[in-house]
Amino acid sequence: QAVTGPALQFYDAVTRWPGSVHDNRIFENSRVMRRYENKEVPGTLLGDQGYACLPYLMTPLRNPQTSAQKGN
């Protein structure tokens, strides 16, 4: 798992989970999640469908129905 900023600088990287560990499990055990949970850092993270949608982590909508949802 890697977290980068708007200029593609690395803020955090997690490499300790070998093999096929689910993305969300890695995130739940990361320093980044703890920092966001404790409101130590501003902003919003963008993740793929492998992550849970959280107040500070935007993920794609599952099964979008309306045209507005499909556009997002």
Protein backbone atom coordinates (compact mmCIF):
# COMPACT_ATOMS: atom_id res chain seq x y z
CA GLN A 1 0.00 0.00 0.00
CA ALA A 2 1.31 3.43 -0.90
CA VAL A 3 -0.08 6.88 -0.12
CA THR A 4 1.04 9.74 -2.34
CA GLY A 5 0.34 13.46 -2.40
CA PRO A 6 -0.79 15.70 -5.25
CA ALA A 7 2.77 16.07 -6.56
CA LEU A 8 3.21 12.26 -6.38
CA GLN A 9 5.46 12.45 -3.33
CA PHE A 10 5.22 9.40 -1.07
CA TYR A 11 3.70 10.04 2.35
CA ASP A 12 3.57 6.42 3.44
CA ALA A 13 4.30 2.93 2.14
CA VAL A 14 3.45 -0.42 3.73
CA THR A 15 5.41 -3.44 2.49
CA ARG A 16 5.23 -5.85 5.42
CA TRP A 17 2.15 -7.84 4.31
CA PRO A 18 3.23 -10.76 2.09
CA GLY A 19 1.11 -12.51 -0.50
CA SER A 20 -2.54 -11.82 -1.13
CA VAL A 21 -3.76 -9.81 1.85
CA HIS A 22 -6.92 -7.77 1.28
CA ASP A 23 -6.32 -4.05 0.69
CA ASN A 24 -8.69 -3.01 3.46
CA ARG A 25 -6.96 -5.25 6.02
CA ILE A 26 -3.65 -3.61 5.26
CA PHE A 27 -5.23 -0.16 5.56
CA GLU A 28 -6.96 -1.00 8.85
CA ASN A 29 -3.58 -1.91 10.32
CA SER A 30 -1.70 1.07 8.90
CA ARG A 31 -0.29 4.18 10.51
CA VAL A 32 -2.13 6.26 7.89
CA MET A 33 -5.55 5.05 9.03
CA ARG A 34 -4.69 5.75 12.67
CA ARG A 35 -3.58 9.27 11.78
CA TYR A 36 -6.82 9.96 9.89
CA GLU A 37 -8.93 8.40 12.66
CA ASN A 38 -7.19 10.68 15.19
CA LYS A 39 -7.67 13.69 12.90
CA GLU A 40 -3.92 14.31 12.79
CA VAL A 41 -3.88 14.94 9.04
CA PRO A 42 -6.20 16.93 6.75
CA GLY A 43 -7.61 15.95 3.40
CA THR A 44 -9.25 12.98 1.75
CA LEU A 45 -7.77 9.75 0.45
CA LEU A 46 -8.89 8.11 -2.79
CA GLY A 47 -9.08 4.33 -2.88
CA ASP A 48 -10.38 1.63 -5.18
CA GLN A 49 -13.18 -0.86 -4.51
CA GLY A 50 -10.86 -2.89 -2.28
CA TYR A 51 -11.29 -0.33 0.52
CA ALA A 52 -14.24 0.57 2.72
CA CYS A 53 -15.74 4.02 2.15
CA LEU A 54 -14.96 6.21 5.17
CA PRO A 55 -15.38 9.93 5.94
CA TYR A 56 -11.75 10.49 4.90
CA LEU A 57 -11.49 7.74 2.24
CA MET A 58 -13.51 8.03 -0.99
CA THR A 59 -14.12 4.85 -2.96
CA PRO A 60 -16.19 4.12 -6.08
CA LEU A 61 -19.92 3.62 -5.63
CA ARG A 62 -20.94 -0.02 -5.76
CA ASN A 63 -23.71 -0.70 -8.29
CA PRO A 64 -24.48 2.91 -9.27
CA GLN A 65 -28.10 3.32 -10.35
CA THR A 66 -28.67 6.94 -11.39
CA SER A 67 -26.80 8.83 -14.10
CA ALA A 68 -25.35 11.12 -11.40
CA GLN A 69 -24.03 8.11 -9.50
CA LYS A 70 -22.61 6.60 -12.68
CA GLY A 71 -20.80 9.87 -13.40
CA ASN A 72 -19.11 9.71 -10.03
